[in-house]
């Protein structure tokens, strides 16, 4: 079992920055695919970013490319989401997720909510205009 705990959410002005953390326990997640998703009020949960453990490649939703950066620190068993130049439309609950280990991962697989096994409880991000 993998337990995930997100932190770092809060209120930020448009154009500002925020760094979300996802601390994992129970297993070492360096060999797990890790993803960030978000859910705005009244909307479905959407893909934000992911890391492939096999290649180290990073994937992003078009809406956050160039502004958000996902990274991991294996020694801390933690994944981060650095959010820069935030916009009011980035307001959402942000979730961290860990997937099952596979031989390889495609971008499509990493961006699908249903691919992931473990989820955190979420952290709220509110961007004011």
Foldseek 3Di string as FASTA:
>chain_A
DKAWAKDFADEAAQQAKTKMKIAIDDDQQLQWKKFKWWDDPPGDIFGAKIAHSVPRDIDGDPVQPPFWDWDDDRVRSMIMIIGGNDDQVVWTWMKMFTADGDPGDDPVLSGDPVRTDYIYPTDTHGYHD
